[in-house]
Amino acid sequence: MTQLPDEKELKREAKSRIWICIALALTGSMLLLQAGRINIALDYDSLHYGLRSRYVLDAGHGIYENLGSVNDVYVYPKGLETLVLPLVTDVTYGFVLSFSWWMSCGILICIYGMVRKLNSRRAGIYAAAFASAIPGIMNMGISAKTDVITVLVQLIAISDLADEDYVWAGSALLLSLIFKPTSLMFSGLLFITALVYIIVKKKKRKIYLRKKLL
């Protein structure tokens, strides 16, 4: 005979579901808020760095043409610009910015996935909701700069590292270098941290196996 759940347990579960609904509503609201700001809240850096027309990216001699003293920023890696080149039009910046918005959605999904693996589905939802309320993360979603896609690729590398997919983690870190020059520093720090993590984990595993054999 199955035992009915305790009344306190039912109340606790109902309260937990309410908080989950609030977290999901907050996440959705923050994403829609950023979507509503696309094309009306362009920052200087997006115009200066990210929204480079097809004529600047390819003036007739390829995307790596030496443009002289047009702007020092054009010596930056052109990974994101090449990726979104089909979206560049003379009418609106919205298509390029919407790509960044989807990348910010990817960041929240990645955060949810990592926390879910390490803890629980509920914790993953809370973590994504908390991240969606941080302006420093969400404002990247309506910027044409390379920050948002670089952060997403670095988070994917961390997720792969946690899953012990070291090849994919290393590939993701290398991929991040084509989007932003300063990612060399951040991805480099992630690489050093990953090495320390792998070494410590292997040592702990060896100690555990020795104790088990003894």
Protein backbone atom coordinates (compact mmCIF):
# COMPACT_ATOMS: atom_id res chain seq x y z
CA MET A 1 0.00 0.00 0.00
CA THR A 2 1.46 3.34 -1.03
CA GLN A 3 1.83 5.96 1.67
CA LEU A 4 0.36 9.39 1.02
CA PRO A 5 2.83 12.29 1.19
CA ASP A 6 2.91 14.38 4.32
CA GLU A 7 0.90 17.64 4.33
CA LYS A 8 4.02 19.69 5.13
CA GLU A 9 5.85 18.08 2.25
CA LEU A 10 3.00 18.95 -0.13
CA LYS A 11 3.03 22.58 1.03
CA ARG A 12 6.81 22.74 0.63
CA GLU A 13 6.54 21.34 -2.90
CA ALA A 14 3.78 23.82 -3.81
CA LYS A 15 5.84 26.74 -2.50
CA SER A 16 8.85 25.51 -4.43
CA ARG A 17 6.81 25.40 -7.65
CA ILE A 18 5.66 28.98 -7.06
CA TRP A 19 9.28 30.13 -6.75
CA ILE A 20 10.20 28.22 -9.91
CA CYS A 21 7.37 29.96 -11.79
CA ILE A 22 8.57 33.34 -10.49
CA ALA A 23 12.14 32.55 -11.60
CA LEU A 24 10.97 31.51 -15.07
CA ALA A 25 8.81 34.62 -15.36
CA LEU A 26 11.75 36.81 -14.32
CA THR A 27 14.05 35.16 -16.88
CA GLY A 28 11.50 35.56 -19.66
CA SER A 29 10.80 39.18 -18.71
CA MET A 30 14.48 40.09 -18.75
CA LEU A 31 14.96 38.50 -22.16
CA LEU A 32 11.90 40.29 -23.57
CA LEU A 33 13.08 43.57 -22.04
CA GLN A 34 16.38 43.27 -23.90
CA ALA A 35 14.59 42.25 -27.11
CA GLY A 36 12.51 45.41 -26.84
CA ARG A 37 15.65 47.54 -26.61
CA ILE A 38 17.13 46.20 -29.85
CA ASN A 39 17.76 48.97 -32.38
CA ILE A 40 16.71 51.75 -29.96
CA ALA A 41 19.47 51.48 -27.35
CA LEU A 42 22.64 51.29 -29.45
CA ASP A 43 25.74 52.09 -27.46
CA TYR A 44 28.78 53.87 -28.84
CA ASP A 45 30.95 50.79 -28.72
CA SER A 46 28.48 48.79 -30.82
CA LEU A 47 28.52 51.45 -33.51
CA HIS A 48 32.26 51.95 -33.26
CA TYR A 49 33.40 48.33 -33.01
CA GLY A 50 30.73 45.86 -33.97
CA LEU A 51 28.43 47.23 -36.66
CA ARG A 52 30.94 47.24 -39.46
CA SER A 53 29.36 47.30 -42.89
CA ARG A 54 30.14 44.79 -45.61
CA TYR A 55 32.22 47.47 -47.30
CA VAL A 56 34.54 47.73 -44.31
CA LEU A 57 34.67 43.96 -43.84
CA ASP A 58 35.29 43.30 -47.50
CA ALA A 59 36.23 46.33 -49.58
CA GLY A 60 37.22 44.20 -52.54
CA HIS A 61 40.38 42.44 -51.37
CA GLY A 62 39.03 40.07 -48.72
CA ILE A 63 38.11 40.45 -45.05
CA TYR A 64 41.76 40.74 -43.96
CA GLU A 65 42.55 43.65 -46.25
CA ASN A 66 44.86 46.26 -44.74
CA LEU A 67 42.65 49.31 -44.27
CA GLY A 68 45.47 51.59 -43.19
CA SER A 69 44.57 54.19 -40.61
CA VAL A 70 40.78 53.91 -41.02
CA ASN A 71 40.53 52.67 -37.46
CA ASP A 72 42.78 50.61 -35.23
CA VAL A 73 39.83 48.45 -34.26
CA TYR A 74 39.75 46.90 -37.71
CA VAL A 75 42.84 44.87 -36.88
CA TYR A 76 40.74 42.92 -34.35
CA PRO A 77 39.78 39.32 -35.10
CA LYS A 78 36.76 39.26 -37.40
CA GLY A 79 35.22 35.98 -36.25
CA LEU A 80 31.84 37.39 -35.25
CA GLU A 81 31.70 39.90 -38.10
CA THR A 82 32.32 37.17 -40.68
CA LEU A 83 29.71 34.97 -39.01
CA VAL A 84 27.00 37.64 -39.17
CA LEU A 85 28.04 39.11 -42.54
CA PRO A 86 24.92 37.70 -44.28
CA LEU A 87 22.80 39.60 -41.73
CA VAL A 88 24.35 43.01 -42.47
CA THR A 89 21.99 45.27 -44.42
CA ASP A 90 21.80 48.98 -45.16
CA VAL A 91 18.33 49.20 -43.63
CA THR A 92 18.66 48.05 -40.01
CA TYR A 93 21.13 46.84 -37.41
CA GLY A 94 18.39 44.66 -35.92
CA PHE A 95 19.45 41.41 -37.57
CA VAL A 96 22.99 41.60 -36.18
CA LEU A 97 21.75 42.65 -32.76
CA SER A 98 19.14 39.87 -32.72
CA PHE A 99 22.01 37.39 -33.24
CA SER A 100 23.64 38.78 -30.08
CA TRP A 101 20.31 38.46 -28.27
CA TRP A 102 20.12 34.77 -29.15
CA MET A 103 23.68 34.36 -27.90
CA SER A 104 22.56 35.78 -24.53
CA CYS A 105 19.76 33.18 -24.52
CA GLY A 106 22.48 30.59 -25.09
CA ILE A 107 24.42 31.91 -22.08
CA LEU A 108 21.39 31.46 -19.80
CA ILE A 109 20.74 27.96 -21.18
CA CYS A 110 24.39 27.05 -20.64
CA ILE A 111 24.30 28.34 -17.03
CA TYR A 112 21.11 26.36 -16.42
CA GLY A 113 22.66 23.21 -17.88
CA MET A 114 25.87 23.43 -15.85
CA VAL A 115 24.12 24.09 -12.52
CA ARG A 116 21.59 21.35 -13.23
CA LYS A 117 24.37 18.81 -13.72
CA LEU A 118 26.17 19.89 -10.56
CA ASN A 119 23.09 20.31 -8.37
CA SER A 120 19.49 20.04 -9.54
CA ARG A 121 16.98 21.26 -12.11
CA ARG A 122 15.56 23.71 -9.59
CA ALA A 123 18.97 25.18 -8.83
CA GLY A 124 19.62 25.53 -12.56
CA ILE A 125 16.43 27.55 -13.04
CA TYR A 126 17.34 29.83 -10.12
CA ALA A 127 20.88 30.31 -11.45
CA ALA A 128 19.60 31.28 -14.91
CA ALA A 129 17.09 33.71 -13.35
CA PHE A 130 19.82 35.28 -11.22
CA ALA A 131 22.10 35.65 -14.26
CA SER A 132 19.28 37.21 -16.29
CA ALA A 133 18.96 39.95 -13.65
CA ILE A 134 22.63 40.98 -13.96
CA PRO A 135 22.94 43.97 -16.36
CA GLY A 136 26.57 43.16 -17.12
CA ILE A 137 25.45 39.87 -18.68
CA MET A 138 22.19 40.87 -20.32
CA ASN A 139 23.37 44.17 -21.79
CA MET A 140 25.80 42.18 -23.93
CA GLY A 141 22.74 40.68 -25.62
CA ILE A 142 21.96 43.90 -27.50
CA SER A 143 25.53 44.82 -28.30
CA ALA A 144 27.21 44.17 -31.63
CA LYS A 145 30.53 43.63 -29.89
CA THR A 146 32.10 40.21 -29.61
CA ASP A 147 31.74 39.92 -25.82
CA VAL A 148 28.53 37.88 -25.75
CA ILE A 149 29.64 35.13 -28.12
CA THR A 150 33.07 34.96 -26.46
CA VAL A 151 31.47 34.46 -23.03
CA LEU A 152 29.15 31.79 -24.46
CA VAL A 153 32.04 29.83 -25.99
CA GLN A 154 34.01 30.08 -22.72
CA LEU A 155 31.01 28.80 -20.75
CA ILE A 156 30.71 25.89 -23.18
CA ALA A 157 34.39 25.14 -22.51
CA ILE A 158 33.73 25.10 -18.74
CA SER A 159 30.71 22.83 -19.25
CA ASP A 160 32.78 20.42 -21.35
CA LEU A 161 35.51 20.48 -18.73
CA ALA A 162 33.00 19.51 -16.02
CA ASP A 163 31.89 16.62 -18.25
CA GLU A 164 35.56 15.61 -18.72
CA ASP A 165 35.36 16.27 -22.46
CA TYR A 166 38.82 17.79 -22.49
CA VAL A 167 39.20 17.82 -26.27
CA TRP A 168 35.97 19.77 -26.76
CA ALA A 169 36.83 22.10 -23.86
CA GLY A 170 40.22 22.90 -25.41
CA SER A 171 38.62 23.38 -28.84
CA ALA A 172 36.10 25.84 -27.38
CA LEU A 173 38.88 27.84 -25.72
CA LEU A 174 40.78 28.01 -29.02
CA LEU A 175 37.58 29.05 -30.81
CA SER A 176 37.12 31.96 -28.40
CA LEU A 177 40.39 33.48 -29.65
CA ILE A 178 38.92 34.28 -33.06
CA PHE A 179 36.22 36.52 -31.57
CA LYS A 180 38.06 38.88 -29.24
CA PRO A 181 41.76 39.71 -28.77
CA THR A 182 41.45 40.08 -24.99
CA SER A 183 40.02 36.56 -24.82
CA LEU A 184 43.63 35.42 -24.94
CA MET A 185 43.95 36.58 -21.34
CA PHE A 186 40.60 35.26 -20.07
CA SER A 187 40.74 32.00 -22.02
CA GLY A 188 44.37 31.64 -20.93
CA LEU A 189 43.33 31.93 -17.29
CA LEU A 190 40.58 29.38 -17.92
CA PHE A 191 43.15 27.05 -19.49
CA ILE A 192 45.46 27.33 -16.45
CA THR A 193 42.50 26.77 -14.10
CA ALA A 194 41.46 23.74 -16.17
CA LEU A 195 44.96 22.25 -15.90
CA VAL A 196 44.94 22.70 -12.11
CA TYR A 197 41.45 21.16 -11.96
CA ILE A 198 42.49 18.11 -14.01
CA ILE A 199 45.67 17.55 -11.97
CA VAL A 200 43.86 17.84 -8.61
CA LYS A 201 41.05 15.58 -9.80
CA LYS A 202 43.48 12.91 -10.98
CA LYS A 203 45.35 13.00 -7.66
CA LYS A 204 42.11 12.67 -5.69
CA ARG A 205 41.06 9.75 -7.90
CA LYS A 206 44.39 7.99 -7.31
CA ILE A 207 44.10 8.49 -3.52
CA TYR A 208 40.53 7.14 -3.59
CA LEU A 209 41.57 4.04 -5.58
CA ARG A 210 44.49 3.36 -3.19
CA LYS A 211 42.20 3.56 -0.17
CA LYS A 212 39.70 1.27 -1.85
CA LEU A 213 42.38 -1.31 -2.64
CA LEU A 214 43.67 -1.21 0.92
